[in-house]
């Protein structure tokens, strides 16, 4: 039986692939009925959205993007004020990270885990269930490439 999911979450998808964003948006809307869902095509676009201000509960972040990649975004995100301290970030990976990047991810408090780029019903349910239980604390090494 699927966990009972909170339907008032705010999401930010950050990926340069329109197809991936479309697919992930549809999956999130099917699984979670979000309060709001915004899409950014790179890290700079995402920072502009956050500065509206828009404070999501959960960010799904691609790493490899033009203009400002996921690493640069994470560096800038850490400089944002305390309104963003409870935002959880899931890294979306198409390939496994090199060891030095895996070590780096473990030093960023808001990063809670890694997943594949194409979100599935199970991934979304598990991440949201952990958010609902306030247990999305610390990096989930069981997912793709972390």
Protein backbone atom coordinates (compact mmCIF):
# COMPACT_ATOMS: atom_id res chain seq x y z
CA UNK A 1 0.00 0.00 0.00
CA UNK A 2 1.37 3.43 -0.95
CA UNK A 3 2.16 5.86 1.88
CA UNK A 4 -0.28 8.69 2.54
CA UNK A 5 1.25 11.73 0.88
CA UNK A 6 0.93 15.36 1.82
CA UNK A 7 -0.53 17.28 -1.13
CA UNK A 8 0.62 20.79 -0.25
CA UNK A 9 4.29 20.54 -1.17
CA UNK A 10 6.08 23.02 -3.38
CA UNK A 11 8.56 21.62 -5.91
CA UNK A 12 11.32 23.04 -8.08
CA UNK A 13 12.62 20.94 -10.97
CA UNK A 14 16.00 22.06 -12.30
CA UNK A 15 17.05 20.37 -15.55
CA UNK A 16 18.01 21.61 -19.01
CA UNK A 17 16.07 18.81 -20.74
CA UNK A 18 12.53 19.83 -21.67
CA UNK A 19 11.59 16.18 -22.11
CA UNK A 20 12.88 15.23 -18.65
CA UNK A 21 11.11 18.21 -17.06
CA UNK A 22 7.85 17.34 -18.80
CA UNK A 23 8.04 13.67 -17.75
CA UNK A 24 9.00 14.48 -14.14
CA UNK A 25 6.31 17.17 -13.86
CA UNK A 26 3.64 14.72 -15.02
CA UNK A 27 4.90 12.06 -12.59
CA UNK A 28 4.94 14.45 -9.62
CA UNK A 29 1.44 15.70 -10.47
CA UNK A 30 0.14 12.12 -10.70
CA UNK A 31 1.70 11.05 -7.41
CA UNK A 32 1.63 14.10 -5.16
CA UNK A 33 -0.85 16.79 -6.29
CA UNK A 34 1.66 19.55 -5.52
CA UNK A 35 0.67 22.93 -4.12
CA UNK A 36 3.03 24.43 -6.70
CA UNK A 37 5.64 23.17 -9.14
CA UNK A 38 8.11 25.40 -10.93
CA UNK A 39 10.67 24.46 -13.57
CA UNK A 40 14.10 25.98 -14.18
CA UNK A 41 16.31 25.07 -17.15
CA UNK A 42 19.62 25.78 -15.37
CA UNK A 43 21.00 26.87 -12.01
CA UNK A 44 20.84 30.58 -12.80
CA UNK A 45 17.19 30.31 -13.82
CA UNK A 46 16.55 28.44 -10.55
CA UNK A 47 18.24 31.15 -8.45
CA UNK A 48 16.08 33.76 -10.17
CA UNK A 49 12.97 31.74 -9.24
CA UNK A 50 14.15 31.37 -5.63
CA UNK A 51 14.76 35.12 -5.41
CA UNK A 52 11.08 35.91 -6.24
CA UNK A 53 10.98 34.62 -3.40
CA UNK A 54 9.84 31.07 -4.00
CA UNK A 55 10.66 28.63 -1.22
CA UNK A 56 10.08 25.04 -2.33
CA UNK A 57 9.90 22.09 0.00
CA UNK A 58 11.84 19.92 -2.43
CA UNK A 59 14.24 20.57 -5.30
CA UNK A 60 15.12 17.92 -7.87
CA UNK A 61 18.46 19.08 -9.29
CA UNK A 62 20.29 17.93 -12.42
CA UNK A 63 24.06 18.31 -12.25
CA UNK A 64 25.09 18.68 -15.90
CA UNK A 65 23.52 21.82 -17.39
CA UNK A 66 24.66 24.80 -19.45
CA UNK A 67 24.84 28.39 -18.15
CA UNK A 68 25.05 27.35 -14.47
CA UNK A 69 25.43 23.67 -13.63
CA UNK A 70 24.22 21.89 -10.52
CA UNK A 71 27.54 22.28 -8.68
CA UNK A 72 27.55 26.05 -9.20
CA UNK A 73 23.89 26.19 -8.15
CA UNK A 74 24.64 24.29 -4.92
CA UNK A 75 27.49 26.69 -4.12
CA UNK A 76 25.19 29.71 -4.61
CA UNK A 77 22.25 28.02 -2.83
CA UNK A 78 24.34 27.69 0.33
CA UNK A 79 24.74 31.50 0.35
CA UNK A 80 20.97 32.11 0.44
CA UNK A 81 19.41 33.34 3.65
CA UNK A 82 17.94 31.16 6.37
CA UNK A 83 14.48 31.01 4.74
CA UNK A 84 15.93 28.20 2.61
CA UNK A 85 17.49 26.14 5.41
CA UNK A 86 14.69 23.53 5.38
CA UNK A 87 14.60 23.04 1.62
CA UNK A 88 15.55 19.47 0.70
CA UNK A 89 17.51 18.80 -2.48
CA UNK A 90 17.62 15.53 -4.38
CA UNK A 91 20.35 15.26 -7.01
CA UNK A 92 19.22 13.71 -10.31
CA UNK A 93 21.97 11.75 -12.02
CA UNK A 94 22.33 10.31 -15.49
CA UNK A 95 25.74 8.80 -14.66
CA UNK A 96 27.56 7.82 -11.49
CA UNK A 97 29.52 10.58 -9.81
CA UNK A 98 33.30 10.48 -9.44
CA UNK A 99 34.52 9.84 -5.90
CA UNK A 100 35.52 13.47 -5.20
CA UNK A 101 32.01 14.66 -6.14
CA UNK A 102 30.41 11.99 -3.92
CA UNK A 103 32.52 13.29 -1.04
CA UNK A 104 31.50 16.88 -1.86
CA UNK A 105 27.79 16.03 -1.84
CA UNK A 106 28.10 14.69 1.70
CA UNK A 107 29.22 18.14 2.89
CA UNK A 108 26.09 20.00 1.69
CA UNK A 109 23.38 19.87 4.38
CA UNK A 110 20.39 20.45 2.09
CA UNK A 111 21.33 17.57 -0.23
CA UNK A 112 19.40 14.56 1.00
CA UNK A 113 20.15 11.98 -1.68
CA UNK A 114 20.53 11.09 -5.32
CA UNK A 115 18.19 9.53 -7.80
CA UNK A 116 18.00 8.82 -11.50
CA UNK A 117 16.95 11.65 -13.80
CA UNK A 118 13.61 10.08 -14.69
CA UNK A 119 11.48 10.09 -11.55
CA UNK A 120 9.27 7.09 -10.92
CA UNK A 121 6.18 6.74 -8.78
CA UNK A 122 8.22 4.81 -6.18
CA UNK A 123 10.99 7.42 -6.03
CA UNK A 124 8.53 10.27 -5.60
CA UNK A 125 6.48 8.41 -2.99
CA UNK A 126 9.57 7.43 -0.99
CA UNK A 127 11.07 10.93 -1.01
CA UNK A 128 7.78 12.59 -0.07
CA UNK A 129 7.04 9.99 2.62
CA UNK A 130 10.43 10.73 4.15
CA UNK A 131 9.70 14.48 3.95
CA UNK A 132 6.31 13.94 5.60
CA UNK A 133 7.95 11.94 8.38
CA UNK A 134 10.66 14.60 8.74
CA UNK A 135 13.22 11.86 8.18
CA UNK A 136 14.77 13.23 5.02
CA UNK A 137 17.86 14.01 7.06
CA UNK A 138 21.17 12.96 5.70
CA UNK A 139 22.25 11.55 2.41
CA UNK A 140 20.52 8.45 1.08
CA UNK A 141 23.31 6.31 -0.36
CA UNK A 142 20.93 3.64 -1.61
CA UNK A 143 19.96 5.64 -4.66
CA UNK A 144 21.66 6.15 -7.99
CA UNK A 145 25.32 7.08 -7.93
CA UNK A 146 25.76 8.78 -4.52
